[in-house]
Protein backbone atom coordinates (compact mmCIF):
# COMPACT_ATOMS: atom_id res chain seq x y z
CA UNK A 1 27.23 -7.10 -18.37
CA UNK A 2 26.38 -7.10 -22.07
CA UNK A 3 22.84 -7.00 -23.24
CA UNK A 4 23.67 -9.24 -26.28
CA UNK A 5 23.54 -13.01 -25.69
CA UNK A 6 24.95 -15.77 -27.93
CA UNK A 7 23.98 -19.20 -26.89
CA UNK A 8 25.78 -22.42 -27.65
CA UNK A 9 24.36 -25.76 -27.30
CA UNK A 10 27.30 -27.57 -25.88
CA UNK A 11 28.15 -31.28 -25.92
CA UNK A 12 31.32 -32.95 -24.78
CA UNK A 13 32.56 -33.98 -28.11
CA UNK A 14 34.02 -32.40 -31.26
CA UNK A 15 30.73 -31.10 -32.36
CA UNK A 16 30.46 -29.31 -29.02
CA UNK A 17 33.85 -28.04 -29.51
CA UNK A 18 33.18 -26.65 -32.93
CA UNK A 19 29.91 -24.85 -31.72
CA UNK A 20 31.68 -23.42 -28.65
CA UNK A 21 34.49 -21.99 -30.82
CA UNK A 22 32.28 -20.50 -33.41
CA UNK A 23 29.90 -19.11 -30.66
CA UNK A 24 32.88 -17.64 -28.79
CA UNK A 25 34.23 -16.04 -32.07
CA UNK A 26 30.86 -14.47 -32.91
CA UNK A 27 30.40 -13.27 -29.18
CA UNK A 28 33.86 -11.79 -29.09
CA UNK A 29 33.24 -9.93 -32.30
CA UNK A 30 29.92 -8.54 -31.17
CA UNK A 31 30.90 -7.96 -27.58
CA UNK A 32 28.07 -10.22 -26.57
CA UNK A 33 27.78 -12.58 -23.46
CA UNK A 34 28.34 -16.23 -24.31
CA UNK A 35 25.75 -18.46 -22.71
CA UNK A 36 27.04 -22.19 -22.73
CA UNK A 37 24.25 -24.59 -22.19
CA UNK A 38 24.24 -28.41 -21.69
CA UNK A 39 20.76 -29.89 -21.75
CA UNK A 40 20.31 -33.03 -19.71
CA UNK A 41 17.38 -35.40 -20.35
CA UNK A 42 14.62 -34.75 -17.90
CA UNK A 43 15.02 -38.48 -16.86
CA UNK A 44 18.14 -37.48 -15.06
CA UNK A 45 15.90 -35.75 -12.55
CA UNK A 46 13.83 -38.78 -11.93
CA UNK A 47 11.18 -38.63 -14.78
CA UNK A 48 8.61 -41.27 -14.46
CA UNK A 49 10.96 -43.71 -12.89
CA UNK A 50 11.99 -43.61 -9.09
CA UNK A 51 14.54 -40.87 -8.52
CA UNK A 52 18.07 -41.83 -7.91
CA UNK A 53 19.69 -38.86 -6.07
CA UNK A 54 23.16 -40.54 -6.29
CA UNK A 55 22.87 -40.85 -10.22
CA UNK A 56 21.41 -37.39 -10.60
CA UNK A 57 24.43 -35.90 -8.51
CA UNK A 58 26.93 -37.99 -10.59
CA UNK A 59 25.40 -36.80 -13.91
CA UNK A 60 25.35 -33.13 -12.71
CA UNK A 61 28.83 -33.20 -11.47
CA UNK A 62 30.18 -34.79 -14.75
CA UNK A 63 28.19 -32.13 -16.62
CA UNK A 64 29.72 -29.38 -14.58
CA UNK A 65 33.28 -30.63 -15.10
CA UNK A 66 32.66 -30.80 -18.87
CA UNK A 67 31.44 -27.17 -18.79
CA UNK A 68 34.35 -26.14 -16.69
CA UNK A 69 36.75 -27.65 -19.34
CA UNK A 70 34.74 -25.86 -22.11
CA UNK A 71 35.08 -22.64 -20.26
CA UNK A 72 38.93 -23.16 -19.73
CA UNK A 73 39.38 -23.85 -23.47
CA UNK A 74 38.15 -20.42 -24.60
CA UNK A 75 39.79 -18.55 -21.75
CA UNK A 76 38.82 -15.10 -20.33
CA UNK A 77 38.83 -13.27 -23.66
CA UNK A 78 35.02 -13.96 -24.02
CA UNK A 79 32.66 -13.21 -21.05
CA UNK A 80 30.59 -16.27 -20.59
CA UNK A 81 28.07 -17.98 -18.31
CA UNK A 82 27.54 -21.65 -17.88
CA UNK A 83 24.30 -23.40 -17.53
CA UNK A 84 22.77 -26.91 -17.02
CA UNK A 85 19.20 -27.27 -18.04
CA UNK A 86 16.76 -30.21 -18.11
CA UNK A 87 14.37 -30.84 -20.85
CA UNK A 88 12.72 -33.78 -22.76
CA UNK A 89 14.65 -32.87 -25.80
CA UNK A 90 18.01 -31.02 -26.59
CA UNK A 91 16.36 -28.55 -29.08
CA UNK A 92 13.65 -27.87 -26.75
CA UNK A 93 15.95 -27.07 -23.94
CA UNK A 94 17.94 -24.79 -26.03
CA UNK A 95 14.98 -22.89 -27.32
CA UNK A 96 13.81 -22.34 -23.74
CA UNK A 97 17.22 -21.25 -22.61
CA UNK A 98 17.42 -18.83 -25.60
CA UNK A 99 14.04 -17.19 -24.65
CA UNK A 100 15.17 -17.02 -21.06
CA UNK A 101 18.33 -15.25 -21.84
CA UNK A 102 16.92 -13.18 -24.87
CA UNK A 103 19.60 -14.64 -26.98
CA UNK A 104 20.04 -13.39 -30.59
CA UNK A 105 21.63 -16.50 -31.97
CA UNK A 106 21.74 -20.20 -31.32
CA UNK A 107 24.93 -22.16 -32.23
CA UNK A 108 25.09 -25.93 -32.34
CA UNK A 109 27.55 -28.48 -33.69
CA UNK A 110 27.29 -30.51 -36.84
CA UNK A 111 26.43 -34.21 -37.01
CA UNK A 112 29.29 -36.77 -36.86
CA UNK A 113 30.91 -37.86 -40.01
CA UNK A 114 30.90 -34.60 -41.99
CA UNK A 115 33.69 -33.61 -44.09
CA UNK A 116 36.14 -31.09 -42.71
CA UNK A 117 34.86 -27.53 -43.22
CA UNK A 118 31.39 -28.69 -44.15
CA UNK A 119 28.24 -28.97 -42.29
CA UNK A 120 26.12 -32.03 -41.76
CA UNK A 121 22.82 -31.50 -40.03
CA UNK A 122 21.93 -33.80 -37.16
CA UNK A 123 18.60 -34.43 -35.55
CA UNK A 124 19.03 -31.64 -33.09
CA UNK A 125 20.14 -29.05 -35.69
CA UNK A 126 17.47 -30.13 -37.98
CA UNK A 127 14.61 -29.60 -35.35
CA UNK A 128 16.05 -26.23 -34.64
CA UNK A 129 16.22 -25.22 -38.36
CA UNK A 130 12.47 -26.00 -38.73
CA UNK A 131 11.05 -24.67 -35.53
CA UNK A 132 13.24 -21.90 -33.97
CA UNK A 133 12.11 -18.27 -33.64
CA UNK A 134 15.67 -17.43 -33.03
CA UNK A 135 18.25 -17.36 -35.69
CA UNK A 136 20.29 -20.60 -35.77
CA UNK A 137 23.67 -21.55 -37.08
CA UNK A 138 25.38 -24.99 -37.30
CA UNK A 139 29.26 -24.88 -36.84
CA UNK A 140 30.96 -26.61 -39.76
CA UNK A 141 33.20 -29.40 -38.86
CA UNK A 142 36.71 -27.98 -37.71
CA UNK A 143 35.33 -24.78 -36.56
CA UNK A 144 37.47 -25.17 -33.48
CA UNK A 145 40.57 -24.59 -35.51
CA UNK A 146 39.51 -20.99 -36.39
CA UNK A 147 41.23 -18.69 -33.88
CA UNK A 148 38.65 -16.80 -31.65
CA UNK A 149 40.52 -13.60 -32.11
CA UNK A 150 40.05 -13.65 -35.83
CA UNK A 151 36.36 -12.52 -35.19
CA UNK A 152 34.13 -12.29 -38.22
CA UNK A 153 36.00 -11.08 -41.45
CA UNK A 154 33.00 -10.65 -43.80
CA UNK A 155 29.24 -10.98 -43.64
CA UNK A 156 27.52 -12.15 -46.75
CA UNK A 157 23.71 -11.77 -47.09
CA UNK A 158 22.24 -14.28 -49.60
CA UNK A 159 19.34 -12.21 -50.61
CA UNK A 160 16.25 -13.32 -52.52
CA UNK A 161 12.93 -11.78 -53.65
CA UNK A 162 12.29 -10.81 -49.90
CA UNK A 163 15.60 -9.58 -48.58
CA UNK A 164 14.08 -7.69 -45.63
CA UNK A 165 14.82 -9.70 -42.53
CA UNK A 166 18.15 -11.15 -43.91
CA UNK A 167 19.30 -7.80 -45.07
CA UNK A 168 18.41 -6.08 -41.69
CA UNK A 169 20.27 -8.89 -39.71
CA UNK A 170 23.17 -8.81 -42.12
CA UNK A 171 23.63 -4.98 -41.83
CA UNK A 172 23.26 -5.22 -38.10
CA UNK A 173 26.00 -8.05 -37.76
CA UNK A 174 28.42 -6.27 -40.29
CA UNK A 175 27.92 -3.01 -38.13
CA UNK A 176 28.57 -4.63 -34.79
CA UNK A 177 31.68 -6.66 -36.03
CA UNK A 178 32.93 -4.00 -38.22
CA UNK A 179 33.17 -6.40 -40.95
CA UNK A 180 32.55 -5.69 -44.78
CA UNK A 181 29.10 -6.62 -46.17
CA UNK A 182 28.61 -8.52 -49.31
CA UNK A 183 25.29 -9.01 -50.98
CA UNK A 184 24.86 -12.37 -52.87
CA UNK A 185 22.33 -13.47 -55.37
CA UNK A 186 22.58 -17.24 -56.49
CA UNK A 187 21.46 -18.02 -59.89
CA UNK A 188 21.28 -22.00 -60.41
CA UNK A 189 20.57 -22.86 -64.00
CA UNK A 190 18.50 -26.03 -64.15
CA UNK A 191 18.35 -26.67 -67.82
CA UNK A 192 15.56 -28.61 -69.52
CA UNK A 193 16.21 -30.27 -72.81
CA UNK A 194 15.82 -28.06 -75.93
CA UNK A 195 16.11 -24.64 -74.11
CA UNK A 196 18.52 -21.86 -75.43
CA UNK A 197 21.06 -22.06 -72.63
CA UNK A 198 22.37 -18.60 -73.46
CA UNK A 199 19.11 -16.93 -73.38
CA UNK A 200 18.07 -18.72 -70.03
CA UNK A 201 21.37 -17.78 -68.35
CA UNK A 202 21.12 -14.14 -69.56
CA UNK A 203 17.55 -14.00 -68.19
CA UNK A 204 18.47 -15.49 -64.80
CA UNK A 205 21.58 -13.20 -64.41
CA UNK A 206 19.38 -10.04 -65.18
CA UNK A 207 16.84 -10.99 -62.56
CA UNK A 208 19.47 -11.73 -59.99
CA UNK A 209 21.10 -8.43 -60.67
CA UNK A 210 17.76 -6.70 -60.27
CA UNK A 211 17.44 -8.49 -56.83
CA UNK A 212 20.81 -7.20 -55.88
CA UNK A 213 20.07 -3.56 -57.03
CA UNK A 214 16.92 -3.61 -55.02
CA UNK A 215 18.64 -4.89 -51.80
CA UNK A 216 21.49 -2.33 -52.25
CA UNK A 217 18.86 0.48 -52.74
CA UNK A 218 17.31 -0.80 -49.41
CA UNK A 219 20.48 -0.38 -47.32
CA UNK A 220 20.51 2.24 -44.71
CA UNK A 221 22.26 5.51 -45.50
CA UNK A 222 25.90 5.21 -45.08
CA UNK A 223 26.02 1.38 -45.36
CA UNK A 224 28.16 0.14 -48.30
CA UNK A 225 28.20 -3.38 -49.78
CA UNK A 226 29.75 -5.25 -52.59
CA UNK A 227 27.35 -7.24 -54.64
CA UNK A 228 27.93 -10.62 -56.43
CA UNK A 229 25.82 -12.78 -58.70
CA UNK A 230 26.92 -16.51 -58.57
CA UNK A 231 25.90 -18.57 -61.46
CA UNK A 232 26.05 -22.31 -62.08
CA UNK A 233 24.33 -25.39 -63.10
CA UNK A 234 23.21 -25.94 -59.52
CA UNK A 235 23.20 -24.25 -56.13
CA UNK A 236 26.13 -26.39 -55.13
CA UNK A 237 28.22 -25.37 -58.07
CA UNK A 238 27.38 -21.73 -57.50
CA UNK A 239 28.70 -21.94 -53.92
CA UNK A 240 31.77 -23.78 -54.84
CA UNK A 241 32.62 -21.17 -57.56
CA UNK A 242 32.71 -18.27 -54.98
CA UNK A 243 35.46 -17.00 -52.93
CA UNK A 244 35.13 -17.49 -49.18
CA UNK A 245 37.14 -16.03 -46.31
CA UNK A 246 38.19 -17.91 -43.10
CA UNK A 247 36.14 -16.11 -40.58
CA UNK A 248 33.23 -15.23 -42.83
CA UNK A 249 29.58 -15.93 -42.08
CA UNK A 250 26.72 -16.12 -44.49
CA UNK A 251 23.11 -15.22 -43.44
CA UNK A 252 20.04 -16.62 -45.33
CA UNK A 253 16.20 -16.30 -44.72
CA UNK A 254 13.93 -19.04 -43.95
CA UNK A 255 11.57 -20.75 -46.47
CA UNK A 256 8.24 -18.99 -47.53
CA UNK A 257 6.71 -22.14 -46.03
CA UNK A 258 7.80 -21.13 -42.46
CA UNK A 259 5.10 -20.32 -40.01
CA UNK A 260 5.16 -16.73 -38.69
CA UNK A 261 8.36 -16.02 -36.67
CA UNK A 262 9.59 -19.50 -37.19
CA UNK A 263 12.47 -21.08 -39.29
CA UNK A 264 11.82 -23.47 -41.97
CA UNK A 265 15.16 -24.46 -43.94
CA UNK A 266 14.13 -24.20 -47.58
CA UNK A 267 15.78 -26.28 -50.41
CA UNK A 268 18.18 -23.44 -51.43
CA UNK A 269 19.44 -23.00 -47.90
CA UNK A 270 19.71 -26.75 -47.51
CA UNK A 271 21.86 -27.05 -50.44
CA UNK A 272 24.10 -23.97 -49.35
CA UNK A 273 24.51 -25.54 -45.98
CA UNK A 274 25.87 -28.68 -47.17
CA UNK A 275 28.42 -27.07 -49.37
CA UNK A 276 29.49 -24.01 -47.69
CA UNK A 277 32.97 -24.02 -46.00
CA UNK A 278 31.73 -21.21 -43.64
CA UNK A 279 29.06 -20.93 -41.16
CA UNK A 280 25.46 -20.28 -42.41
CA UNK A 281 23.13 -18.36 -40.14
CA UNK A 282 19.38 -19.00 -40.85
CA UNK A 283 17.15 -16.08 -40.03
CA UNK A 284 13.41 -16.41 -39.30
CA UNK A 285 11.07 -14.10 -41.35
CA UNK A 286 10.17 -12.31 -37.98
CA UNK A 287 12.77 -13.05 -35.48
CA UNK A 288 12.13 -12.48 -31.84
CA UNK A 289 15.34 -10.58 -31.71
CA UNK A 290 17.57 -9.60 -34.47
CA UNK A 291 21.19 -10.17 -34.77
């Protein structure tokens, strides 16, 4: 059995199918065991109200059926394990399970109503993205349409002034999936009135290029990567201007406001998440277990 674990927070809807497909694709590419977890509210076991064994049995049997259907949908190509957990909250249950299994990544689905190929963060994903000590990714709408066998076609590391954890995780993921590595620095140009736009753009690009040069210099011996500076009037415009591959994943670090070993989704990552047509993996500054 693999010592690598990818955890999927599964729900019996389209968002759950997207999360399952993305998790299975990454698990297949990294030869990891897929842990598929359904979290039931603790009230289903009785909670503060009198227990109803018949109701509890019905809920559990239905959940087991959904898990069996989920397992059948991805077939035998990906080693998997199915679980039911009880918790007061879905995010809490997933974090507890991730710690139990030693998972290196938590995958959840996007909120309903998002555009195809884009990510809309719901309450569960939002809670995880602001509290998890394990890397988290939210599956864009329509992820279930990407073949599992496609694997990971490219790993993009969105590097900033502190690229350490993101760079380390990106190098590891690119190596495990045998995918090319791309270093990316975003240069949004938010122009106040009266500023020389050419001078500001030149200064920003030079600074971004220095970030990329520093990140490339920090790569382990033998690891190669392309480097791209993305410019635009906003983060969203910069992201839209780039070329993205089907099967690509992007890694970004948590905000400087994050507590030690915890995620906190910063403004740049939040803007990227809404605009990216590919999955964004958010890496804590000191994750419990690297990708």
